[in-house]
Amino acid sequence: MKVLLVCAGGMSTSMLMKKMKAYAEKHGMADFEIAARGADEVRGGEDYDIVLLGP
């Protein structure tokens, strides 16, 4: 599963990304990929299963 976290600057989502990666590793979720980006860095056509928006 590929997850993209998006917020205004990418800073708050990067903290969440680290916690989600640690959780996935702890629970053996080998196919879990996650990225955090600021809203201005996101362009259409990216290949993610889930996109989560933050403040």
N, C-alpha and C. Protein backbone atom coordinates (compact mmCIF):
# COMPACT_ATOMS: atom_id res chain seq x y z
N MET A 1 0.84 -1.16 0.00
CA MET A 1 0.00 0.00 0.00
C MET A 1 0.89 1.24 0.00
N LYS A 2 0.57 2.19 -0.85
CA LYS A 2 1.32 3.44 -0.92
C LYS A 2 0.44 4.57 -0.42
N VAL A 3 0.97 5.32 0.57
CA VAL A 3 0.23 6.40 1.20
C VAL A 3 0.98 7.70 1.03
N LEU A 4 0.25 8.76 0.70
CA LEU A 4 0.83 10.10 0.60
C LEU A 4 0.15 10.99 1.62
N LEU A 5 0.95 11.63 2.49
CA LEU A 5 0.45 12.60 3.46
C LEU A 5 0.76 13.99 2.93
N VAL A 6 -0.23 14.86 2.92
CA VAL A 6 -0.07 16.21 2.37
C VAL A 6 -0.54 17.24 3.39
N CYS A 7 0.26 18.28 3.60
CA CYS A 7 -0.17 19.41 4.42
C CYS A 7 0.42 20.67 3.79
N ALA A 8 0.18 21.80 4.41
CA ALA A 8 0.60 23.07 3.84
C ALA A 8 2.11 23.10 3.56
N GLY A 9 2.93 22.75 4.55
CA GLY A 9 4.37 22.83 4.37
C GLY A 9 5.08 21.49 4.37
N GLY A 10 4.41 20.44 4.75
CA GLY A 10 5.01 19.12 4.80
C GLY A 10 5.66 18.78 6.13
N MET A 11 5.66 19.72 7.08
CA MET A 11 6.35 19.49 8.35
C MET A 11 5.53 18.63 9.31
N SER A 12 4.26 18.94 9.49
CA SER A 12 3.46 18.13 10.43
C SER A 12 3.25 16.72 9.89
N THR A 13 3.14 16.59 8.58
CA THR A 13 2.95 15.25 8.01
C THR A 13 4.23 14.43 8.09
N SER A 14 5.37 15.07 8.10
CA SER A 14 6.62 14.29 8.20
C SER A 14 6.73 13.64 9.58
N MET A 15 6.22 14.31 10.61
CA MET A 15 6.21 13.69 11.95
C MET A 15 5.27 12.50 11.97
N LEU A 16 4.09 12.65 11.38
CA LEU A 16 3.13 11.55 11.31
C LEU A 16 3.68 10.40 10.47
N MET A 17 4.38 10.73 9.40
CA MET A 17 4.97 9.71 8.53
C MET A 17 5.93 8.81 9.31
N LYS A 18 6.77 9.40 10.13
CA LYS A 18 7.72 8.63 10.92
C LYS A 18 7.00 7.66 11.87
N LYS A 19 5.92 8.13 12.48
CA LYS A 19 5.16 7.27 13.40
C LYS A 19 4.47 6.14 12.65
N MET A 20 3.94 6.45 11.47
CA MET A 20 3.26 5.43 10.68
C MET A 20 4.25 4.38 10.16
N LYS A 21 5.45 4.82 9.78
CA LYS A 21 6.49 3.87 9.33
C LYS A 21 6.87 2.93 10.46
N ALA A 22 7.06 3.49 11.66
CA ALA A 22 7.43 2.67 12.82
C ALA A 22 6.33 1.65 13.12
N TYR A 23 5.07 2.07 13.05
CA TYR A 23 3.95 1.16 13.29
C TYR A 23 3.94 0.03 12.27
N ALA A 24 4.12 0.38 11.01
CA ALA A 24 4.11 -0.63 9.93
C ALA A 24 5.24 -1.64 10.12
N GLU A 25 6.43 -1.16 10.49
CA GLU A 25 7.55 -2.06 10.71
C GLU A 25 7.29 -2.98 11.90
N LYS A 26 6.75 -2.41 12.98
CA LYS A 26 6.46 -3.19 14.18
C LYS A 26 5.45 -4.30 13.92
N HIS A 27 4.51 -4.05 13.02
CA HIS A 27 3.44 -5.00 12.74
C HIS A 27 3.67 -5.80 11.46
N GLY A 28 4.89 -5.77 10.94
CA GLY A 28 5.26 -6.60 9.81
C GLY A 28 4.57 -6.26 8.49
N MET A 29 4.27 -5.01 8.29
CA MET A 29 3.60 -4.58 7.05
C MET A 29 4.67 -4.26 6.00
N ALA A 30 5.18 -5.29 5.35
CA ALA A 30 6.31 -5.14 4.43
C ALA A 30 5.97 -4.35 3.18
N ASP A 31 4.72 -4.38 2.74
CA ASP A 31 4.36 -3.69 1.51
C ASP A 31 3.87 -2.25 1.74
N PHE A 32 4.17 -1.67 2.89
CA PHE A 32 3.71 -0.33 3.25
C PHE A 32 4.75 0.71 2.86
N GLU A 33 4.35 1.66 2.03
CA GLU A 33 5.22 2.77 1.65
C GLU A 33 4.49 4.06 1.98
N ILE A 34 5.23 5.05 2.48
CA ILE A 34 4.59 6.32 2.85
C ILE A 34 5.52 7.48 2.51
N ALA A 35 4.92 8.59 2.09
CA ALA A 35 5.68 9.80 1.78
C ALA A 35 4.91 10.99 2.33
N ALA A 36 5.63 12.05 2.68
CA ALA A 36 5.03 13.29 3.17
C ALA A 36 5.50 14.43 2.28
N ARG A 37 4.55 15.28 1.89
CA ARG A 37 4.88 16.40 1.01
C ARG A 37 4.05 17.61 1.38
N GLY A 38 4.58 18.77 1.03
CA GLY A 38 3.82 20.00 1.13
C GLY A 38 2.86 20.09 -0.04
N ALA A 39 1.78 20.81 0.14
CA ALA A 39 0.75 20.89 -0.90
C ALA A 39 1.30 21.44 -2.21
N ASP A 40 2.26 22.34 -2.15
CA ASP A 40 2.82 22.90 -3.37
C ASP A 40 3.72 21.93 -4.14
N GLU A 41 4.08 20.82 -3.53
CA GLU A 41 4.92 19.81 -4.19
C GLU A 41 4.12 18.71 -4.88
N VAL A 42 2.83 18.67 -4.63
CA VAL A 42 1.99 17.60 -5.17
C VAL A 42 1.50 17.97 -6.56
N ARG A 43 1.71 17.07 -7.48
CA ARG A 43 1.24 17.23 -8.85
C ARG A 43 0.33 16.06 -9.18
N GLY A 44 -0.54 16.21 -10.11
CA GLY A 44 -1.45 15.14 -10.50
C GLY A 44 -0.72 13.96 -11.12
N GLY A 45 -1.38 12.83 -11.16
CA GLY A 45 -0.84 11.65 -11.81
C GLY A 45 0.10 10.80 -10.97
N GLU A 46 0.22 11.11 -9.69
CA GLU A 46 1.10 10.31 -8.84
C GLU A 46 0.39 9.01 -8.46
N ASP A 47 1.16 7.98 -8.24
CA ASP A 47 0.62 6.63 -8.04
C ASP A 47 0.57 6.28 -6.55
N TYR A 48 -0.51 6.69 -5.86
CA TYR A 48 -0.71 6.37 -4.45
C TYR A 48 -2.07 5.71 -4.28
N ASP A 49 -2.16 4.79 -3.32
CA ASP A 49 -3.43 4.15 -3.01
C ASP A 49 -4.30 5.06 -2.14
N ILE A 50 -3.63 5.82 -1.24
CA ILE A 50 -4.35 6.67 -0.30
C ILE A 50 -3.64 8.02 -0.23
N VAL A 51 -4.40 9.10 -0.24
CA VAL A 51 -3.86 10.45 -0.03
C VAL A 51 -4.60 11.04 1.17
N LEU A 52 -3.83 11.41 2.20
CA LEU A 52 -4.41 12.00 3.41
C LEU A 52 -3.99 13.46 3.49
N LEU A 53 -4.95 14.35 3.76
CA LEU A 53 -4.69 15.78 3.85
C LEU A 53 -4.68 16.23 5.30
N GLY A 54 -3.68 17.01 5.65
CA GLY A 54 -3.56 17.55 6.99
C GLY A 54 -3.70 19.07 6.95
N PRO A 55 -3.58 19.68 8.11
CA PRO A 55 -3.75 21.15 8.19
C PRO A 55 -2.62 21.89 7.50
